[in-house]
Amino acid sequence: GTASPGKHAALREHGVDLPLDGQDPDLARKIRDF
């Protein structure tokens, strides 16, 4: 799940396995690694 970093803890609480910053320039690589 992507969201701003300040929301990542909430995403984990709701079951997201890997929260990521949607504005991260390395986003695609991190998803491929997962």
PDB file of all heavy atoms in Angstrom:
ATOM      1  N   GLY A   1       0.821  -1.208   0.000  1.00  0.00           N
ATOM      2  CA  GLY A   1       0.000   0.000   0.000  1.00  0.00           C
ATOM      3  C   GLY A   1       0.848   1.248   0.000  1.00  0.00           C
ATOM      4  O   GLY A   1       1.834   1.329   0.737  1.00  0.00           O
ATOM      5  N   THR A   2       0.493   2.223  -0.842  1.00  0.00           N
ATOM      6  CA  THR A   2       1.250   3.472  -0.863  1.00  0.00           C
ATOM      7  C   THR A   2       0.478   4.574  -0.156  1.00  0.00           C
ATOM      8  O   THR A   2      -0.750   4.661  -0.240  1.00  0.00           O
ATOM      9  CB  THR A   2       1.578   3.920  -2.299  1.00  0.00           C
ATOM     10  OG1 THR A   2       0.387   4.345  -2.960  1.00  0.00           O
ATOM     11  CG2 THR A   2       2.232   2.796  -3.086  1.00  0.00           C
ATOM     12  N   ALA A   3       1.233   5.397   0.545  1.00  0.00           N
ATOM     13  CA  ALA A   3       0.692   6.566   1.244  1.00  0.00           C
ATOM     14  C   ALA A   3       1.889   7.373   1.730  1.00  0.00           C
ATOM     15  O   ALA A   3       3.035   6.900   1.671  1.00  0.00           O
ATOM     16  CB  ALA A   3      -0.186   6.146   2.421  1.00  0.00           C
ATOM     17  N   SER A   4       1.653   8.565   2.220  1.00  0.00           N
ATOM     18  CA  SER A   4       2.742   9.361   2.779  1.00  0.00           C
ATOM     19  C   SER A   4       3.293   8.652   4.013  1.00  0.00           C
ATOM     20  O   SER A   4       2.567   7.920   4.701  1.00  0.00           O
ATOM     21  CB  SER A   4       2.262  10.761   3.128  1.00  0.00           C
ATOM     22  OG  SER A   4       1.181  10.708   4.041  1.00  0.00           O
ATOM     23  N   PRO A   5       4.590   8.825   4.320  1.00  0.00           N
ATOM     24  CA  PRO A   5       5.221   8.080   5.416  1.00  0.00           C
ATOM     25  C   PRO A   5       4.507   8.193   6.752  1.00  0.00           C
ATOM     26  O   PRO A   5       4.479   7.233   7.529  1.00  0.00           O
ATOM     27  CB  PRO A   5       6.626   8.695   5.478  1.00  0.00           C
ATOM     28  CG  PRO A   5       6.899   9.145   4.073  1.00  0.00           C
ATOM     29  CD  PRO A   5       5.569   9.639   3.567  1.00  0.00           C
ATOM     30  N   GLY A   6       3.885   9.340   7.031  1.00  0.00           N
ATOM     31  CA  GLY A   6       3.198   9.514   8.305  1.00  0.00           C
ATOM     32  C   GLY A   6       1.987   8.613   8.476  1.00  0.00           C
ATOM     33  O   GLY A   6       1.457   8.489   9.586  1.00  0.00           O
ATOM     34  N   LYS A   7       1.546   7.969   7.402  1.00  0.00           N
ATOM     35  CA  LYS A   7       0.372   7.094   7.462  1.00  0.00           C
ATOM     36  C   LYS A   7       0.748   5.612   7.455  1.00  0.00           C
ATOM     37  O   LYS A   7      -0.134   4.753   7.487  1.00  0.00           O
ATOM     38  CB  LYS A   7      -0.552   7.398   6.280  1.00  0.00           C
ATOM     39  CG  LYS A   7      -1.064   8.835   6.264  1.00  0.00           C
ATOM     40  CD  LYS A   7      -1.931   9.109   5.034  1.00  0.00           C
ATOM     41  CE  LYS A   7      -2.414  10.555   5.016  1.00  0.00           C
ATOM     42  NZ  LYS A   7      -3.269  10.867   3.848  1.00  0.00           N
ATOM     43  N   HIS A   8       2.048   5.303   7.401  1.00  0.00           N
ATOM     44  CA  HIS A   8       2.467   3.906   7.260  1.00  0.00           C
ATOM     45  C   HIS A   8       2.108   3.056   8.472  1.00  0.00           C
ATOM     46  O   HIS A   8       1.762   1.876   8.327  1.00  0.00           O
ATOM     47  CB  HIS A   8       3.969   3.839   6.979  1.00  0.00           C
ATOM     48  CG  HIS A   8       4.318   4.277   5.590  1.00  0.00           C
ATOM     49  ND1 HIS A   8       5.599   4.234   5.077  1.00  0.00           N
ATOM     50  CD2 HIS A   8       3.543   4.776   4.587  1.00  0.00           C
ATOM     51  CE1 HIS A   8       5.598   4.680   3.839  1.00  0.00           C
ATOM     52  NE2 HIS A   8       4.369   5.022   3.525  1.00  0.00           N
ATOM     53  N   ALA A   9       2.214   3.623   9.666  1.00  0.00           N
ATOM     54  CA  ALA A   9       1.865   2.849  10.865  1.00  0.00           C
ATOM     55  C   ALA A   9       0.400   2.437  10.823  1.00  0.00           C
ATOM     56  O   ALA A   9       0.045   1.301  11.167  1.00  0.00           O
ATOM     57  CB  ALA A   9       2.151   3.671  12.125  1.00  0.00           C
ATOM     58  N   ALA A  10      -0.459   3.360  10.377  1.00  0.00           N
ATOM     59  CA  ALA A  10      -1.884   3.035  10.269  1.00  0.00           C
ATOM     60  C   ALA A  10      -2.116   1.948   9.222  1.00  0.00           C
ATOM     61  O   ALA A  10      -2.952   1.061   9.420  1.00  0.00           O
ATOM     62  CB  ALA A  10      -2.677   4.293   9.911  1.00  0.00           C
ATOM     63  N   LEU A  11      -1.370   1.999   8.121  1.00  0.00           N
ATOM     64  CA  LEU A  11      -1.529   0.965   7.098  1.00  0.00           C
ATOM     65  C   LEU A  11      -1.150  -0.409   7.654  1.00  0.00           C
ATOM     66  O   LEU A  11      -1.820  -1.403   7.374  1.00  0.00           O
ATOM     67  CB  LEU A  11      -0.676   1.285   5.873  1.00  0.00           C
ATOM     68  CG  LEU A  11      -1.104   2.487   5.032  1.00  0.00           C
ATOM     69  CD1 LEU A  11      -0.230   2.592   3.778  1.00  0.00           C
ATOM     70  CD2 LEU A  11      -2.563   2.396   4.637  1.00  0.00           C
ATOM     71  N   ARG A  12      -0.093  -0.469   8.422  1.00  0.00           N
ATOM     72  CA  ARG A  12       0.309  -1.754   9.028  1.00  0.00           C
ATOM     73  C   ARG A  12      -0.786  -2.259   9.960  1.00  0.00           C
ATOM     74  O   ARG A  12      -1.083  -3.467   9.987  1.00  0.00           O
ATOM     75  CB  ARG A  12       1.628  -1.593   9.787  1.00  0.00           C
ATOM     76  CG  ARG A  12       2.844  -1.357   8.891  1.00  0.00           C
ATOM     77  CD  ARG A  12       4.140  -1.437   9.686  1.00  0.00           C
ATOM     78  NE  ARG A  12       5.288  -1.121   8.855  1.00  0.00           N
ATOM     79  CZ  ARG A  12       5.808   0.094   8.729  1.00  0.00           C
ATOM     80  NH1 ARG A  12       5.274   1.107   9.415  1.00  0.00           N
ATOM     81  NH2 ARG A  12       6.850   0.308   7.955  1.00  0.00           N
ATOM     82  N   GLU A  13      -1.385  -1.359  10.735  1.00  0.00           N
ATOM     83  CA  GLU A  13      -2.450  -1.756  11.649  1.00  0.00           C
ATOM     84  C   GLU A  13      -3.647  -2.348  10.901  1.00  0.00           C
ATOM     85  O   GLU A  13      -4.353  -3.207  11.432  1.00  0.00           O
ATOM     86  CB  GLU A  13      -2.913  -0.550  12.472  1.00  0.00           C
ATOM     87  CG  GLU A  13      -1.884  -0.066  13.488  1.00  0.00           C
ATOM     88  CD  GLU A  13      -2.329   1.209  14.192  1.00  0.00           C
ATOM     89  OE1 GLU A  13      -3.461   1.680  13.893  1.00  0.00           O
ATOM     90  OE2 GLU A  13      -1.564   1.736  15.010  1.00  0.00           O
ATOM     91  N   HIS A  14      -3.842  -1.925   9.668  1.00  0.00           N
ATOM     92  CA  HIS A  14      -4.960  -2.419   8.868  1.00  0.00           C
ATOM     93  C   HIS A  14      -4.576  -3.606   7.998  1.00  0.00           C
ATOM     94  O   HIS A  14      -5.364  -4.043   7.154  1.00  0.00           O
ATOM     95  CB  HIS A  14      -5.541  -1.287   8.015  1.00  0.00           C
ATOM     96  CG  HIS A  14      -6.373  -0.315   8.791  1.00  0.00           C
ATOM     97  ND1 HIS A  14      -5.852   0.814   9.391  1.00  0.00           N
ATOM     98  CD2 HIS A  14      -7.699  -0.322   9.107  1.00  0.00           C
ATOM     99  CE1 HIS A  14      -6.813   1.466  10.014  1.00  0.00           C
ATOM    100  NE2 HIS A  14      -7.936   0.802   9.863  1.00  0.00           N
ATOM    101  N   GLY A  15      -3.355  -4.120   8.170  1.00  0.00           N
ATOM    102  CA  GLY A  15      -2.990  -5.360   7.505  1.00  0.00           C
ATOM    103  C   GLY A  15      -2.117  -5.237   6.278  1.00  0.00           C
ATOM    104  O   GLY A  15      -1.807  -6.257   5.643  1.00  0.00           O
ATOM    105  N   VAL A  16      -1.706  -4.024   5.911  1.00  0.00           N
ATOM    106  CA  VAL A  16      -0.839  -3.868   4.745  1.00  0.00           C
ATOM    107  C   VAL A  16       0.519  -4.510   5.036  1.00  0.00           C
ATOM    108  O   VAL A  16       1.145  -4.233   6.061  1.00  0.00           O
ATOM    109  CB  VAL A  16      -0.665  -2.377   4.387  1.00  0.00           C
ATOM    110  CG1 VAL A  16       0.398  -2.195   3.307  1.00  0.00           C
ATOM    111  CG2 VAL A  16      -1.996  -1.793   3.923  1.00  0.00           C
ATOM    112  N   ASP A  17       0.971  -5.378   4.135  1.00  0.00           N
ATOM    113  CA  ASP A  17       2.230  -6.101   4.348  1.00  0.00           C
ATOM    114  C   ASP A  17       3.449  -5.210   4.119  1.00  0.00           C
ATOM    115  O   ASP A  17       4.454  -5.342   4.815  1.00  0.00           O
ATOM    116  CB  ASP A  17       2.298  -7.306   3.399  1.00  0.00           C
ATOM    117  CG  ASP A  17       1.186  -8.306   3.669  1.00  0.00           C
ATOM    118  OD1 ASP A  17       1.308  -9.072   4.639  1.00  0.00           O
ATOM    119  OD2 ASP A  17       0.187  -8.306   2.927  1.00  0.00           O
ATOM    120  N   LEU A  18       3.350  -4.309   3.138  1.00  0.00           N
ATOM    121  CA  LEU A  18       4.479  -3.430   2.837  1.00  0.00           C
ATOM    122  C   LEU A  18       3.967  -2.028   2.523  1.00  0.00           C
ATOM    123  O   LEU A  18       3.518  -1.757   1.410  1.00  0.00           O
ATOM    124  CB  LEU A  18       5.280  -3.967   1.643  1.00  0.00           C
ATOM    125  CG  LEU A  18       6.469  -3.098   1.196  1.00  0.00           C
ATOM    126  CD1 LEU A  18       7.525  -3.001   2.297  1.00  0.00           C
ATOM    127  CD2 LEU A  18       7.080  -3.649  -0.102  1.00  0.00           C
ATOM    128  N   PRO A  19       4.016  -1.107   3.509  1.00  0.00           N
ATOM    129  CA  PRO A  19       3.653   0.289   3.221  1.00  0.00           C
ATOM    130  C   PRO A  19       4.830   0.983   2.539  1.00  0.00           C
ATOM    131  O   PRO A  19       5.991   0.819   2.945  1.00  0.00           O
ATOM    132  CB  PRO A  19       3.406   0.887   4.612  1.00  0.00           C
ATOM    133  CG  PRO A  19       3.439  -0.258   5.581  1.00  0.00           C
ATOM    134  CD  PRO A  19       4.275  -1.316   4.944  1.00  0.00           C
ATOM    135  N   LEU A  20       4.548   1.768   1.517  1.00  0.00           N
ATOM    136  CA  LEU A  20       5.584   2.501   0.800  1.00  0.00           C
ATOM    137  C   LEU A  20       5.116   3.923   0.531  1.00  0.00           C
ATOM    138  O   LEU A  20       3.918   4.197   0.449  1.00  0.00           O
ATOM    139  CB  LEU A  20       5.908   1.813  -0.534  1.00  0.00           C
ATOM    140  CG  LEU A  20       6.598   0.444  -0.462  1.00  0.00           C
ATOM    141  CD1 LEU A  20       6.692  -0.167  -1.866  1.00  0.00           C
ATOM    142  CD2 LEU A  20       7.978   0.559   0.160  1.00  0.00           C
ATOM    143  N   ASP A  21       6.083   4.809   0.373  1.00  0.00           N
ATOM    144  CA  ASP A  21       5.811   6.197   0.031  1.00  0.00           C
ATOM    145  C   ASP A  21       5.525   6.284  -1.463  1.00  0.00           C
ATOM    146  O   ASP A  21       6.373   5.945  -2.285  1.00  0.00           O
ATOM    147  CB  ASP A  21       7.023   7.056   0.394  1.00  0.00           C
ATOM    148  CG  ASP A  21       6.805   8.538   0.117  1.00  0.00           C
ATOM    149  OD1 ASP A  21       5.736   8.914  -0.401  1.00  0.00           O
ATOM    150  OD2 ASP A  21       7.729   9.325   0.409  1.00  0.00           O
ATOM    151  N   GLY A  22       4.333   6.742  -1.823  1.00  0.00           N
ATOM    152  CA  GLY A  22       3.967   6.828  -3.224  1.00  0.00           C
ATOM    153  C   GLY A  22       4.819   7.795  -4.018  1.00  0.00           C
ATOM    154  O   GLY A  22       4.851   7.729  -5.252  1.00  0.00           O
ATOM    155  N   GLN A  23       5.540   8.711  -3.334  1.00  0.00           N
ATOM    156  CA  GLN A  23       6.401   9.684  -4.009  1.00  0.00           C
ATOM    157  C   GLN A  23       7.861   9.236  -4.062  1.00  0.00           C
ATOM    158  O   GLN A  23       8.711   9.957  -4.584  1.00  0.00           O
ATOM    159  CB  GLN A  23       6.325  11.039  -3.295  1.00  0.00           C
ATOM    160  CG  GLN A  23       4.919  11.611  -3.204  1.00  0.00           C
ATOM    161  CD  GLN A  23       4.302  11.831  -4.566  1.00  0.00           C
ATOM    162  OE1 GLN A  23       4.949  12.351  -5.475  1.00  0.00           O
ATOM    163  NE2 GLN A  23       3.041  11.436  -4.726  1.00  0.00           N
ATOM    164  N   ASP A  24       8.157   8.064  -3.545  1.00  0.00           N
ATOM    165  CA  ASP A  24       9.530   7.549  -3.534  1.00  0.00           C
ATOM    166  C   ASP A  24       9.998   7.285  -4.967  1.00  0.00           C
ATOM    167  O   ASP A  24       9.362   6.499  -5.687  1.00  0.00           O
ATOM    168  CB  ASP A  24       9.570   6.253  -2.713  1.00  0.00           C
ATOM    169  CG  ASP A  24      10.980   5.711  -2.511  1.00  0.00           C
ATOM    170  OD1 ASP A  24      11.905   6.157  -3.223  1.00  0.00           O
ATOM    171  OD2 ASP A  24      11.143   4.833  -1.646  1.00  0.00           O
ATOM    172  N   PRO A  25      11.092   7.901  -5.412  1.00  0.00           N
ATOM    173  CA  PRO A  25      11.569   7.642  -6.775  1.00  0.00           C
ATOM    174  C   PRO A  25      11.993   6.201  -6.999  1.00  0.00           C
ATOM    175  O   PRO A  25      12.108   5.752  -8.139  1.00  0.00           O
ATOM    176  CB  PRO A  25      12.747   8.620  -6.924  1.00  0.00           C
ATOM    177  CG  PRO A  25      13.158   8.951  -5.527  1.00  0.00           C
ATOM    178  CD  PRO A  25      11.914   8.901  -4.706  1.00  0.00           C
ATOM    179  N   ASP A  26      12.214   5.473  -5.895  1.00  0.00           N
ATOM    180  CA  ASP A  26      12.621   4.070  -5.981  1.00  0.00           C
ATOM    181  C   ASP A  26      11.448   3.121  -5.764  1.00  0.00           C
ATOM    182  O   ASP A  26      11.656   1.929  -5.507  1.00  0.00           O
ATOM    183  CB  ASP A  26      13.711   3.815  -4.932  1.00  0.00           C
ATOM    184  CG  ASP A  26      14.708   2.744  -5.383  1.00  0.00           C
ATOM    185  OD1 ASP A  26      14.777   2.472  -6.601  1.00  0.00           O
ATOM    186  OD2 ASP A  26      15.392   2.188  -4.514  1.00  0.00           O
ATOM    187  N   LEU A  27      10.228   3.650  -5.884  1.00  0.00           N
ATOM    188  CA  LEU A  27       9.028   2.879  -5.567  1.00  0.00           C
ATOM    189  C   LEU A  27       8.928   1.601  -6.396  1.00  0.00           C
ATOM    190  O   LEU A  27       8.704   0.512  -5.849  1.00  0.00           O
ATOM    191  CB  LEU A  27       7.789   3.741  -5.792  1.00  0.00           C
ATOM    192  CG  LEU A  27       6.433   3.065  -5.583  1.00  0.00           C
ATOM    193  CD1 LEU A  27       6.242   2.663  -4.125  1.00  0.00           C
ATOM    194  CD2 LEU A  27       5.293   4.002  -6.023  1.00  0.00           C
ATOM    195  N   ALA A  28       9.095   1.697  -7.692  1.00  0.00           N
ATOM    196  CA  ALA A  28       8.916   0.540  -8.570  1.00  0.00           C
ATOM    197  C   ALA A  28       9.899  -0.575  -8.221  1.00  0.00           C
ATOM    198  O   ALA A  28       9.533  -1.759  -8.191  1.00  0.00           O
ATOM    199  CB  ALA A  28       9.079   0.949 -10.031  1.00  0.00           C
ATOM    200  N   ARG A  29      11.153  -0.217  -7.932  1.00  0.00           N
ATOM    201  CA  ARG A  29      12.145  -1.243  -7.598  1.00  0.00           C
ATOM    202  C   ARG A  29      11.763  -1.956  -6.307  1.00  0.00           C
ATOM    203  O   ARG A  29      11.884  -3.189  -6.207  1.00  0.00           O
ATOM    204  CB  ARG A  29      13.535  -0.623  -7.460  1.00  0.00           C
ATOM    205  CG  ARG A  29      14.627  -1.669  -7.160  1.00  0.00           C
ATOM    206  CD  ARG A  29      15.924  -1.042  -6.700  1.00  0.00           C
ATOM    207  NE  ARG A  29      15.774  -0.311  -5.454  1.00  0.00           N
ATOM    208  CZ  ARG A  29      15.715  -0.880  -4.256  1.00  0.00           C
ATOM    209  NH1 ARG A  29      15.756  -2.210  -4.136  1.00  0.00           N
ATOM    210  NH2 ARG A  29      15.592  -0.145  -3.172  1.00  0.00           N
ATOM    211  N   LYS A  30      11.301  -1.206  -5.313  1.00  0.00           N
ATOM    212  CA  LYS A  30      10.939  -1.810  -4.033  1.00  0.00           C
ATOM    213  C   LYS A  30       9.762  -2.779  -4.197  1.00  0.00           C
ATOM    214  O   LYS A  30       9.718  -3.827  -3.543  1.00  0.00           O
ATOM    215  CB  LYS A  30      10.617  -0.718  -3.011  1.00  0.00           C
ATOM    216  CG  LYS A  30      11.844   0.091  -2.594  1.00  0.00           C
ATOM    217  CD  LYS A  30      11.487   1.191  -1.606  1.00  0.00           C
ATOM    218  CE  LYS A  30      12.728   1.965  -1.187  1.00  0.00           C
ATOM    219  NZ  LYS A  30      12.418   3.070  -0.234  1.00  0.00           N
ATOM    220  N   ILE A  31       8.827  -2.417  -5.068  1.00  0.00           N
ATOM    221  CA  ILE A  31       7.697  -3.319  -5.307  1.00  0.00           C
ATOM    222  C   ILE A  31       8.173  -4.579  -6.034  1.00  0.00           C
ATOM    223  O   ILE A  31       7.760  -5.700  -5.706  1.00  0.00           O
ATOM    224  CB  ILE A  31       6.594  -2.609  -6.112  1.00  0.00           C
ATOM    225  CG1 ILE A  31       5.983  -1.477  -5.270  1.00  0.00           C
ATOM    226  CG2 ILE A  31       5.505  -3.591  -6.536  1.00  0.00           C
ATOM    227  CD1 ILE A  31       4.989  -0.613  -6.017  1.00  0.00           C
ATOM    228  N   ARG A  32       9.052  -4.415  -7.009  1.00  0.00           N
ATOM    229  CA  ARG A  32       9.586  -5.587  -7.724  1.00  0.00           C
ATOM    230  C   ARG A  32      10.377  -6.487  -6.781  1.00  0.00           C
ATOM    231  O   ARG A  32      10.296  -7.720  -6.865  1.00  0.00           O
ATOM    232  CB  ARG A  32      10.480  -5.134  -8.881  1.00  0.00           C
ATOM    233  CG  ARG A  32       9.715  -4.530 -10.046  1.00  0.00           C
ATOM    234  CD  ARG A  32      10.588  -4.416 -11.286  1.00  0.00           C
ATOM    235  NE  ARG A  32       9.881  -3.726 -12.351  1.00  0.00           N
ATOM    236  CZ  ARG A  32       9.962  -2.416 -12.577  1.00  0.00           C
ATOM    237  NH1 ARG A  32      10.734  -1.665 -11.800  1.00  0.00           N
ATOM    238  NH2 ARG A  32       9.277  -1.860 -13.553  1.00  0.00           N
ATOM    239  N   ASP A  33      11.138  -5.887  -5.873  1.00  0.00           N
ATOM    240  CA  ASP A  33      11.887  -6.687  -4.898  1.00  0.00           C
ATOM    241  C   ASP A  33      10.936  -7.496  -4.028  1.00  0.00           C
ATOM    242  O   ASP A  33      11.207  -8.662  -3.704  1.00  0.00           O
ATOM    243  CB  ASP A  33      12.750  -5.777  -4.019  1.00  0.00           C
ATOM    244  CG  ASP A  33      13.960  -5.215  -4.755  1.00  0.00           C
ATOM    245  OD1 ASP A  33      14.257  -5.694  -5.873  1.00  0.00           O
ATOM    246  OD2 ASP A  33      14.597  -4.293  -4.217  1.00  0.00           O
ATOM    247  N   PHE A  34       9.813  -6.883  -3.634  1.00  0.00           N
ATOM    248  CA  PHE A  34       8.825  -7.582  -2.806  1.00  0.00           C
ATOM    249  C   PHE A  34       8.259  -8.785  -3.558  1.00  0.00           C
ATOM    250  O   PHE A  34       7.950  -9.820  -2.958  1.00  0.00           O
ATOM    251  CB  PHE A  34       7.706  -6.622  -2.411  1.00  0.00           C
ATOM    252  CG  PHE A  34       6.678  -7.211  -1.482  1.00  0.00           C
ATOM    253  CD1 PHE A  34       6.950  -7.372  -0.125  1.00  0.00           C
ATOM    254  CD2 PHE A  34       5.429  -7.596  -1.961  1.00  0.00           C
ATOM    255  CE1 PHE A  34       5.999  -7.916   0.731  1.00  0.00           C
ATOM    256  CE2 PHE A  34       4.476  -8.146  -1.117  1.00  0.00           C
ATOM    257  CZ  PHE A  34       4.760  -8.302   0.237  1.00  0.00           C
TER     258      PHE A  34
END
